Amino acid sequence: MSSAARQPSLQRTLLLWLLPALALLVPLGALLIYRIALIPALDALDRALTDTTVALEQLIDWQGDRATLPISAQTEQALRANLVDKTVFAVTDPDGRLLGGTAALTALAQPLAAGQWDYHDAVLGGEPVRLVTHAVACGASPDRVCTILVAETRTKRAAARRAALLGAVLGALALALPLAGLAVLAVRRSLRPVERAATEVASLTPERLRAVDTRGVPSEVAGFMRATNQLLDRLRTAAAAQRTFVADAAHQLRTPLAVMRVEAAELLAQPHPETMKPALKRLHGAAERGSRLAQQLLALARAEGMGIDPTLPTEVVDLRALAADNADLWLQPALDAGQDLGFDLQPAWVRGHPVLLGELLGNLVQNAIAYAGPGASITVVMRAHDGSVELVVEDDGPGVPPEERAGLGRRFQRGRQAQGSGSGLGLAIVTDIARLHGATVAFEAGEGGGGLRVRITFPPAKTPP
């Protein structure tokens, strides 16, 4: 498992706190909705039974010590009328004698005082019913009561419970789904500036240490981002100071090295003891290498400086014309080394910095001249390919072993079999300048598996100005 996978996720942590809370609160809300919807419905059904009980109370006739329930068949039918449930009733006198209704219902009567009511669920004839019992004073003594019982099967109540449950579930879902969606959306939107800032930090390179945009970043993270920007600012300052020092040192060395090179060349041209010739050649070679190193350090500092500031102006450059303009500078060193330098140039338009692109071309060709060896063939190729521009410099020299090619773009990195006198900066400069222009660099074996081919692929070609 990778370290990134083991690290806690802020988004996951927030959702793990929010979603369980919703999972707990939503059922409680559903229960509340269920109770709020069900209780009034059951109360309404109980009130309907109460109305029937009151109607029966009004029908009781008391004559002396005897109570009767004068009720017609039509009235009894009206009292029992119900489209959904079955309704039955029973009325008893103070002595427990049935005055009217269903005798089996009297077994469910509860002892009540005059004026009291009782509502409860019961079972009548094996069928669940809702029972209302009411005690009515009968006669002069309050101790003598008539009992009225009204029972109704519970079909409407079961339907009311189902309707209340369905409403509660639908209400809970209508509440839970938007809340869960809003929670996820809120967490993601809140963390989006943080993810954007993280992407910006991940895209930073040593050449591009720009400040990270902290707009919209939550205040809890803004302090960290400000500290990061302060660190980047210090890194930019340190890098700029380093580049300035390298550039100044290289610039200061150019003049004395040039003088040394010229003087050594003049001494070699003048009559001198034969014993001094090897020393003068070594002096002249060292001056040449020092001058080249100073020039490369200046190019490297210039490339890094432009890489820090992406706002520097660029223009459309024809690499073919750039190579043609500098070909004379490369032909003589190639002839001196006994090499065959050839060109296969097609129009190759790219957007970039002309000076840096010239340094890239020069370092590529000079690197091939320095390391390909006497008698080698070097070919510079430019062509448009699949919408991109390819620059290839290939030689048939000793080449570089495959395991060493990955390090060719590093500074002061040379192959173990390299025979030239270079410093190992040429291909590092090429790699830096290519990266600045959004290009990729590939180090490959040459034709037939020998030599070295350096392939640079620039972004899609631009049309000429």
Protein backbone atom coordinates (compact mmCIF):
# COMPACT_ATOMS: atom_id res chain seq x y z
CA MET A 1 0.00 0.00 0.00
CA SER A 2 1.36 3.41 -0.96
CA SER A 3 2.00 6.12 1.64
CA ALA A 4 -0.63 8.32 -0.06
CA ALA A 5 -3.23 5.59 0.43
CA ARG A 6 -2.39 5.33 4.15
CA GLN A 7 -2.71 9.05 4.76
CA PRO A 8 -6.05 10.27 6.15
CA SER A 9 -8.33 12.09 3.75
CA LEU A 10 -9.88 15.33 4.99
CA GLN A 11 -12.86 14.83 2.69
CA ARG A 12 -13.37 11.28 3.91
CA THR A 13 -13.05 12.39 7.54
CA LEU A 14 -15.65 15.13 7.15
CA LEU A 15 -18.06 12.78 5.38
CA LEU A 16 -17.53 10.09 8.02
CA TRP A 17 -18.66 12.62 10.63
CA LEU A 18 -21.52 14.10 8.64
CA LEU A 19 -23.13 11.05 7.04
CA PRO A 20 -23.47 8.95 10.25
CA ALA A 21 -25.03 11.97 11.94
CA LEU A 22 -27.52 12.15 9.09
CA ALA A 23 -28.08 8.40 9.33
CA LEU A 24 -29.01 8.87 12.99
CA LEU A 25 -31.02 12.08 12.72
CA VAL A 26 -33.05 11.12 9.64
CA PRO A 27 -34.66 8.02 11.28
CA LEU A 28 -35.45 10.14 14.34
CA GLY A 29 -37.04 12.68 12.03
CA ALA A 30 -38.96 9.91 10.30
CA LEU A 31 -40.23 8.64 13.66
CA LEU A 32 -41.34 12.14 14.57
CA ILE A 33 -43.13 12.54 11.23
CA TYR A 34 -44.79 9.15 11.76
CA ARG A 35 -46.05 10.11 15.20
CA ILE A 36 -47.21 13.54 14.10
CA ALA A 37 -49.14 12.07 11.18
CA LEU A 38 -50.57 9.03 12.99
CA ILE A 39 -51.82 10.48 16.28
CA PRO A 40 -54.32 12.96 14.73
CA ALA A 41 -55.60 10.23 12.39
CA LEU A 42 -56.22 7.79 15.27
CA ASP A 43 -57.75 10.55 17.37
CA ALA A 44 -60.17 11.34 14.54
CA LEU A 45 -61.21 7.68 14.37
CA ASP A 46 -61.66 7.59 18.16
CA ARG A 47 -63.80 10.73 17.97
CA ALA A 48 -66.04 8.97 15.44
CA LEU A 49 -66.58 6.15 17.98
CA THR A 50 -67.19 8.76 20.67
CA ASP A 51 -69.91 10.33 18.54
CA THR A 52 -71.63 6.93 18.24
CA THR A 53 -71.34 6.45 22.01
CA VAL A 54 -72.88 9.87 22.67
CA ALA A 55 -75.71 9.11 20.24
CA LEU A 56 -76.47 5.90 22.16
CA GLU A 57 -76.38 7.80 25.44
CA GLN A 58 -79.06 10.11 24.13
CA LEU A 59 -81.29 7.13 23.30
CA ILE A 60 -81.35 5.62 26.85
CA ASP A 61 -84.78 6.09 28.46
CA TRP A 62 -85.07 5.90 32.26
CA GLN A 63 -88.52 5.29 33.77
CA GLY A 64 -88.54 4.95 37.51
CA ASP A 65 -86.06 2.25 38.42
CA ARG A 66 -86.03 0.74 34.95
CA ALA A 67 -83.84 1.78 31.96
CA THR A 68 -84.65 0.95 28.36
CA LEU A 69 -83.06 1.56 24.97
CA PRO A 70 -85.84 2.33 22.54
CA ILE A 71 -84.03 1.98 19.18
CA SER A 72 -85.49 1.23 15.81
CA ALA A 73 -83.99 -1.13 13.31
CA GLN A 74 -83.20 1.79 11.02
CA THR A 75 -81.36 3.64 13.83
CA GLU A 76 -79.42 0.53 14.79
CA GLN A 77 -78.47 0.04 11.17
CA ALA A 78 -77.32 3.64 10.93
CA LEU A 79 -75.17 3.24 14.05
CA ARG A 80 -73.53 0.13 12.59
CA ALA A 81 -73.07 1.62 9.10
CA ASN A 82 -69.41 1.61 8.01
CA LEU A 83 -67.92 1.19 4.54
CA VAL A 84 -64.61 -0.20 5.73
CA ASP A 85 -64.90 -1.58 9.26
CA LYS A 86 -67.57 -3.49 11.20
CA THR A 87 -69.08 -1.58 14.11
CA VAL A 88 -70.94 -3.19 17.04
CA PHE A 89 -72.29 -1.75 20.27
CA ALA A 90 -73.83 -2.84 23.57
CA VAL A 91 -75.69 -0.96 26.30
CA THR A 92 -76.20 -2.43 29.81
CA ASP A 93 -78.24 -1.17 32.77
CA PRO A 94 -76.84 -0.78 36.31
CA ASP A 95 -77.62 -4.40 37.01
CA GLY A 96 -75.68 -5.60 33.96
CA ARG A 97 -78.71 -6.52 31.89
CA LEU A 98 -78.28 -5.97 28.12
CA LEU A 99 -80.50 -3.14 26.91
CA GLY A 100 -79.49 -3.46 23.27
CA GLY A 101 -76.68 -4.44 20.90
CA THR A 102 -74.25 -7.36 20.90
CA ALA A 103 -74.21 -9.39 24.10
CA ALA A 104 -70.64 -10.69 23.55
CA LEU A 105 -69.33 -7.15 23.80
CA THR A 106 -70.41 -6.81 27.43
CA ALA A 107 -67.66 -9.22 28.49
CA LEU A 108 -65.11 -6.52 27.56
CA ALA A 109 -66.66 -3.84 29.79
CA GLN A 110 -64.39 -2.08 32.28
CA PRO A 111 -65.77 -0.88 35.66
CA LEU A 112 -66.04 2.91 35.36
CA ALA A 113 -67.58 5.67 37.45
CA ALA A 114 -70.30 7.86 35.99
CA GLY A 115 -68.95 10.20 33.31
CA GLN A 116 -65.69 8.29 32.72
CA TRP A 117 -64.39 7.15 29.32
CA ASP A 118 -62.04 4.35 28.39
CA TYR A 119 -60.33 3.71 25.03
CA HIS A 120 -58.31 0.57 24.40
CA ASP A 121 -57.62 -2.18 21.89
CA ALA A 122 -59.27 -5.52 22.44
CA VAL A 123 -60.21 -8.76 20.69
CA LEU A 124 -63.83 -9.63 19.95
CA GLY A 125 -64.65 -12.97 18.45
CA GLY A 126 -61.01 -13.48 17.51
CA GLU A 127 -60.87 -10.17 15.63
CA PRO A 128 -58.90 -7.12 16.81
CA VAL A 129 -61.16 -4.16 17.62
CA ARG A 130 -60.93 -0.64 18.99
CA LEU A 131 -63.21 -0.38 22.03
CA VAL A 132 -64.73 2.71 23.64
CA THR A 133 -66.42 2.32 27.04
CA HIS A 134 -68.46 5.09 28.63
CA ALA A 135 -70.33 5.08 31.97
CA VAL A 136 -73.56 7.09 32.21
CA ALA A 137 -75.45 7.88 35.44
CA CYS A 138 -78.82 6.07 35.42
CA GLY A 139 -81.41 7.15 37.95
CA ALA A 140 -81.17 9.34 41.03
CA SER A 141 -78.16 7.62 42.60
CA PRO A 142 -74.71 8.42 41.03
CA ASP A 143 -73.59 4.93 41.96
CA ARG A 144 -75.96 3.37 39.48
CA VAL A 145 -74.53 3.62 35.96
CA CYS A 146 -75.40 2.35 32.55
CA THR A 147 -72.47 1.18 30.47
CA ILE A 148 -72.17 1.93 26.74
CA LEU A 149 -69.64 0.01 24.66
CA VAL A 150 -68.85 0.69 21.00
CA ALA A 151 -66.28 -1.44 19.14
CA GLU A 152 -64.92 -1.15 15.62
CA THR A 153 -62.58 -3.38 13.69
CA ARG A 154 -59.19 -1.82 13.03
CA THR A 155 -58.97 -1.82 9.24
CA LYS A 156 -59.01 2.01 8.96
CA ARG A 157 -56.48 2.26 11.78
CA ALA A 158 -54.15 -0.19 10.03
CA ALA A 159 -54.52 1.83 6.82
CA ALA A 160 -53.79 5.02 8.78
CA ARG A 161 -50.65 3.45 10.22
CA ARG A 162 -49.48 2.35 6.78
CA ALA A 163 -50.17 5.78 5.33
CA ALA A 164 -48.32 7.46 8.21
CA LEU A 165 -45.38 5.05 7.84
CA LEU A 166 -45.22 5.59 4.09
CA GLY A 167 -45.37 9.34 4.57
CA ALA A 168 -42.64 9.18 7.20
CA VAL A 169 -40.39 7.06 4.97
CA LEU A 170 -40.95 9.27 1.95
CA GLY A 171 -40.45 12.37 4.05
CA ALA A 172 -37.25 10.94 5.51
CA LEU A 173 -35.95 10.08 2.05
CA ALA A 174 -36.95 13.51 0.76
CA LEU A 175 -34.95 14.96 3.65
CA ALA A 176 -32.04 12.51 3.71
CA LEU A 177 -31.12 12.41 0.03
CA PRO A 178 -30.85 16.19 -0.46
CA LEU A 179 -29.04 16.56 2.88
CA ALA A 180 -26.55 13.81 2.00
CA GLY A 181 -26.06 15.31 -1.46
CA LEU A 182 -25.62 18.78 -0.02
CA ALA A 183 -23.16 17.45 2.57
CA VAL A 184 -21.03 15.77 -0.11
CA LEU A 185 -21.28 18.83 -2.36
CA ALA A 186 -20.44 21.22 0.47
CA VAL A 187 -17.40 19.18 1.50
CA ARG A 188 -16.15 18.87 -2.08
CA ARG A 189 -16.72 22.55 -2.87
CA SER A 190 -15.03 23.55 0.38
CA LEU A 191 -12.01 21.40 -0.41
CA ARG A 192 -11.84 22.30 -4.10
CA PRO A 193 -9.59 25.37 -3.47
CA VAL A 194 -7.33 23.15 -1.36
CA GLU A 195 -7.12 20.58 -4.18
CA ARG A 196 -6.42 23.37 -6.68
CA ALA A 197 -3.65 24.73 -4.46
CA ALA A 198 -2.22 21.21 -4.07
CA THR A 199 -2.24 20.80 -7.86
CA GLU A 200 -0.42 24.12 -8.22
CA VAL A 201 2.20 23.07 -5.67
CA ALA A 202 2.64 19.72 -7.44
CA SER A 203 3.18 21.51 -10.76
CA LEU A 204 6.01 23.65 -9.38
CA THR A 205 9.51 22.94 -10.66
CA PRO A 206 12.88 24.35 -9.67
CA GLU A 207 12.57 26.61 -12.71
CA ARG A 208 9.03 27.77 -11.84
CA LEU A 209 8.67 28.57 -8.15
CA ARG A 210 5.72 30.93 -8.44
CA ALA A 211 3.46 31.72 -5.49
CA VAL A 212 0.38 29.54 -5.04
CA ASP A 213 -3.00 31.25 -5.45
CA THR A 214 -4.73 31.13 -2.03
CA ARG A 215 -8.03 32.70 -3.10
CA GLY A 216 -10.97 30.71 -1.78
CA VAL A 217 -8.77 28.51 0.42
CA PRO A 218 -10.43 27.90 3.83
CA SER A 219 -8.99 29.95 6.65
CA GLU A 220 -7.86 26.75 8.43
CA VAL A 221 -5.55 26.01 5.48
CA ALA A 222 -4.74 29.58 4.42
CA GLY A 223 -2.04 29.90 7.10
CA PHE A 224 -0.27 26.82 5.80
CA MET A 225 -0.50 28.09 2.22
CA ARG A 226 0.91 31.50 3.23
CA ALA A 227 3.82 29.75 4.92
CA THR A 228 4.33 27.69 1.75
CA ASN A 229 4.39 30.85 -0.37
CA GLN A 230 6.90 32.43 2.00
CA LEU A 231 9.10 29.35 1.64
CA LEU A 232 8.77 29.52 -2.15
CA ASP A 233 9.73 33.18 -2.05
CA ARG A 234 12.85 32.37 -0.05
CA LEU A 235 13.69 29.58 -2.50
CA ARG A 236 13.25 31.96 -5.44
CA THR A 237 15.52 34.49 -3.77
CA ALA A 238 18.17 31.87 -3.04
CA ALA A 239 17.95 30.44 -6.56
CA ALA A 240 18.20 33.90 -8.09
CA ALA A 241 21.25 34.67 -5.95
CA GLN A 242 22.86 31.41 -7.02
CA ARG A 243 22.17 32.07 -10.70
CA THR A 244 23.50 35.61 -10.39
CA PHE A 245 26.67 34.32 -8.75
CA VAL A 246 27.19 31.67 -11.44
CA ALA A 247 26.51 34.16 -14.22
CA ASP A 248 28.79 36.82 -12.70
CA ALA A 249 31.57 34.31 -12.07
CA ALA A 250 31.30 32.90 -15.58
CA HIS A 251 31.21 36.39 -17.06
CA GLN A 252 34.28 37.44 -15.11
CA LEU A 253 36.13 34.32 -16.21
CA ARG A 254 35.38 34.77 -19.90
CA THR A 255 37.85 37.59 -20.48
CA PRO A 256 40.93 36.09 -18.77
CA LEU A 257 40.20 32.71 -20.31
CA ALA A 258 39.86 34.28 -23.75
CA VAL A 259 43.15 36.11 -23.25
CA MET A 260 44.79 32.89 -22.11
CA ARG A 261 43.43 31.03 -25.14
CA VAL A 262 44.67 33.70 -27.58
CA GLU A 263 48.06 33.95 -25.92
CA ALA A 264 48.51 30.20 -25.92
CA ALA A 265 47.58 30.08 -29.63
CA GLU A 266 50.11 32.84 -30.41
CA LEU A 267 52.80 31.06 -28.45
CA LEU A 268 52.12 27.90 -30.39
CA ALA A 269 52.38 29.86 -33.65
CA GLN A 270 55.66 31.51 -32.65
CA PRO A 271 59.02 29.72 -32.75
CA HIS A 272 59.51 27.93 -29.44
CA PRO A 273 61.60 25.08 -28.04
CA GLU A 274 60.20 21.72 -29.06
CA THR A 275 60.17 20.63 -25.42
CA MET A 276 57.61 23.37 -24.63
CA LYS A 277 55.14 22.33 -27.32
CA PRO A 278 53.26 19.69 -25.24
CA ALA A 279 52.87 22.16 -22.35
CA LEU A 280 51.66 24.92 -24.67
CA LYS A 281 49.13 22.54 -26.25
CA ARG A 282 47.85 21.53 -22.82
CA LEU A 283 47.62 25.22 -21.86
CA HIS A 284 45.71 26.04 -25.04
CA GLY A 285 43.36 23.05 -24.56
CA ALA A 286 42.68 24.01 -20.96
CA ALA A 287 41.91 27.59 -22.00
CA GLU A 288 39.53 26.28 -24.71
CA ARG A 289 37.74 24.05 -22.21
CA GLY A 290 37.53 26.85 -19.63
CA SER A 291 36.05 29.25 -22.19
CA ARG A 292 33.50 26.68 -23.27
CA LEU A 293 32.59 25.91 -19.64
CA ALA A 294 32.10 29.61 -18.87
CA GLN A 295 29.86 29.95 -21.94
CA GLN A 296 27.81 26.93 -20.85
CA LEU A 297 27.44 28.25 -17.32
CA LEU A 298 26.16 31.54 -18.71
CA ALA A 299 23.69 29.65 -20.92
CA LEU A 300 22.54 27.58 -17.98
CA ALA A 301 22.01 30.65 -15.80
CA ARG A 302 20.10 32.33 -18.64
CA ALA A 303 17.87 29.27 -19.13
CA GLU A 304 17.09 29.00 -15.42
CA GLY A 305 16.38 32.69 -15.19
CA MET A 306 13.84 32.52 -17.99
CA GLY A 307 12.33 29.40 -16.49
CA ILE A 308 11.55 31.26 -13.26
CA ASP A 309 9.61 33.95 -15.08
CA PRO A 310 7.13 32.44 -17.55
CA THR A 311 5.93 35.91 -18.58
CA LEU A 312 9.07 36.66 -20.61
CA PRO A 313 8.11 37.23 -24.25
CA THR A 314 8.48 34.44 -26.78
CA GLU A 315 8.28 34.43 -30.56
CA VAL A 316 7.83 32.02 -33.44
CA VAL A 317 11.27 30.67 -34.39
CA ASP A 318 12.27 28.68 -37.47
CA LEU A 319 14.69 26.03 -36.22
CA ARG A 320 15.82 25.32 -39.79
CA ALA A 321 16.91 28.93 -40.28
CA LEU A 322 18.58 28.91 -36.86
CA ALA A 323 20.58 25.81 -37.79
CA ALA A 324 21.53 27.23 -41.18
CA ASP A 325 22.77 30.47 -39.59
CA ASN A 326 25.03 28.57 -37.18
CA ALA A 327 26.18 25.78 -39.47
CA ASP A 328 29.50 27.53 -40.24
CA LEU A 329 30.34 27.56 -36.53
CA TRP A 330 30.02 23.78 -36.37
CA LEU A 331 31.55 22.74 -39.69
CA GLN A 332 35.15 23.70 -38.94
CA PRO A 333 35.35 21.84 -35.58
CA ALA A 334 33.80 18.81 -37.29
CA LEU A 335 36.36 18.99 -40.13
CA ASP A 336 39.18 19.38 -37.60
CA ALA A 337 37.95 16.20 -35.90
CA GLY A 338 37.77 14.37 -39.24
CA GLN A 339 34.00 14.04 -39.01
CA ASP A 340 31.22 14.26 -41.58
CA LEU A 341 28.56 16.76 -40.44
CA GLY A 342 25.35 16.59 -42.52
CA PHE A 343 21.95 18.29 -42.40
CA ASP A 344 18.45 17.16 -43.34
CA LEU A 345 16.39 20.24 -42.59
CA GLN A 346 12.70 20.82 -43.18
CA PRO A 347 10.66 23.85 -42.03
CA ALA A 348 10.34 23.55 -38.27
CA TRP A 349 8.44 26.36 -36.57
CA VAL A 350 8.27 26.46 -32.79
CA ARG A 351 7.44 29.14 -30.23
CA GLY A 352 10.22 30.01 -27.83
CA HIS A 353 13.27 32.11 -27.02
CA PRO A 354 15.64 32.38 -30.02
CA VAL A 355 18.78 32.76 -27.90
CA LEU A 356 18.01 29.70 -25.82
CA LEU A 357 17.02 27.64 -28.85
CA GLY A 358 20.34 28.59 -30.42
CA GLU A 359 22.13 27.39 -27.29
CA LEU A 360 20.16 24.13 -27.44
CA LEU A 361 21.15 23.51 -31.06
CA GLY A 362 24.77 24.47 -30.45
CA ASN A 363 25.14 22.24 -27.41
CA LEU A 364 23.59 19.27 -29.21
CA VAL A 365 25.89 19.51 -32.21
CA GLN A 366 29.01 20.36 -30.20
CA ASN A 367 28.30 17.45 -27.85
CA ALA A 368 28.16 15.09 -30.84
CA ILE A 369 31.39 16.55 -32.24
CA ALA A 370 33.15 16.23 -28.89
CA TYR A 371 32.18 12.62 -28.17
CA ALA A 372 31.49 10.89 -31.51
CA GLY A 373 35.21 10.52 -32.19
CA PRO A 374 37.33 10.87 -35.33
CA GLY A 375 35.78 9.70 -38.59
CA ALA A 376 32.23 9.73 -37.22
CA SER A 377 29.21 10.85 -39.19
CA ILE A 378 26.88 13.36 -37.53
CA THR A 379 23.43 14.19 -38.92
CA VAL A 380 21.14 17.02 -37.86
CA VAL A 381 17.48 16.34 -38.79
CA MET A 382 14.46 18.63 -38.45
CA ARG A 383 10.96 17.70 -39.50
CA ALA A 384 7.30 18.10 -38.65
CA HIS A 385 5.80 14.83 -37.43
CA ASP A 386 2.19 14.18 -36.34
CA GLY A 387 1.60 17.86 -35.67
CA SER A 388 4.79 18.22 -33.61
CA VAL A 389 8.30 19.30 -34.49
CA GLU A 390 11.19 16.86 -34.09
CA LEU A 391 14.84 17.82 -33.80
CA VAL A 392 17.23 14.87 -34.03
CA VAL A 393 21.03 14.89 -33.76
CA GLU A 394 22.50 11.46 -34.44
CA ASP A 395 26.04 10.13 -34.66
CA ASP A 396 27.59 6.72 -35.33
CA GLY A 397 30.27 7.04 -32.66
CA PRO A 398 30.87 4.72 -29.70
CA GLY A 399 27.50 5.65 -28.20
CA VAL A 400 26.36 5.38 -24.57
CA PRO A 401 25.39 2.13 -22.79
CA PRO A 402 21.60 1.87 -22.18
CA GLU A 403 21.98 1.93 -18.40
CA GLU A 404 23.79 5.30 -18.58
CA ARG A 405 21.45 7.12 -20.98
CA ALA A 406 18.96 8.12 -18.25
CA GLY A 407 21.64 10.25 -16.58
CA LEU A 408 22.79 12.11 -19.69
CA GLY A 409 20.54 15.10 -18.95
CA ARG A 410 22.03 15.67 -15.51
CA ARG A 411 24.64 18.31 -14.85
CA PHE A 412 28.29 17.22 -14.95
CA GLN A 413 27.16 13.72 -15.91
CA ARG A 414 29.24 11.95 -18.54
CA GLY A 415 29.27 8.38 -19.75
CA ARG A 416 32.05 6.20 -18.36
CA GLN A 417 33.32 5.54 -21.89
CA ALA A 418 33.29 9.23 -22.92
CA GLN A 419 36.62 10.22 -24.51
CA GLY A 420 36.01 13.93 -25.12
CA SER A 421 37.13 16.82 -22.96
CA GLY A 422 33.67 18.18 -22.18
CA SER A 423 32.44 19.11 -18.72
CA GLY A 424 29.14 17.23 -18.78
CA LEU A 425 26.99 20.37 -18.98
CA GLY A 426 26.01 20.33 -22.67
CA LEU A 427 23.14 17.84 -22.51
CA ALA A 428 22.00 19.24 -19.14
CA ILE A 429 21.59 22.63 -20.82
CA VAL A 430 19.73 20.95 -23.69
CA THR A 431 17.38 19.23 -21.23
CA ASP A 432 16.69 22.43 -19.26
CA ILE A 433 16.01 24.52 -22.36
CA ALA A 434 13.78 21.80 -23.84
CA ARG A 435 11.76 21.58 -20.62
CA LEU A 436 11.37 25.37 -20.61
CA HIS A 437 9.82 25.12 -24.10
CA GLY A 438 7.51 22.23 -23.18
CA ALA A 439 9.56 19.75 -25.22
CA THR A 440 10.62 16.21 -24.36
CA VAL A 441 14.14 14.81 -24.72
CA ALA A 442 14.90 11.16 -25.52
CA PHE A 443 18.35 9.55 -25.62
CA GLU A 444 18.39 6.52 -27.92
CA ALA A 445 20.77 4.26 -29.76
CA GLY A 446 21.64 5.37 -33.28
CA GLU A 447 21.01 3.64 -36.59
CA GLY A 448 21.83 -0.06 -36.33
CA GLY A 449 22.15 0.11 -32.54
CA GLY A 450 25.41 2.09 -32.55
CA GLY A 451 26.17 5.70 -31.70
CA LEU A 452 23.76 8.06 -29.98
CA ARG A 453 20.56 9.69 -31.16
CA VAL A 454 19.15 12.65 -29.22
CA ARG A 455 15.50 13.26 -30.15
CA ILE A 456 13.73 16.43 -29.01
CA THR A 457 9.98 16.69 -29.63
CA PHE A 458 8.47 20.16 -29.40
CA PRO A 459 4.75 20.89 -28.88
CA PRO A 460 2.49 21.09 -31.94
CA ALA A 461 4.11 23.19 -34.65
CA LYS A 462 3.04 26.81 -35.01
CA THR A 463 2.39 28.40 -38.35
CA PRO A 464 5.09 30.81 -39.53
CA PRO A 465 4.59 34.51 -38.78
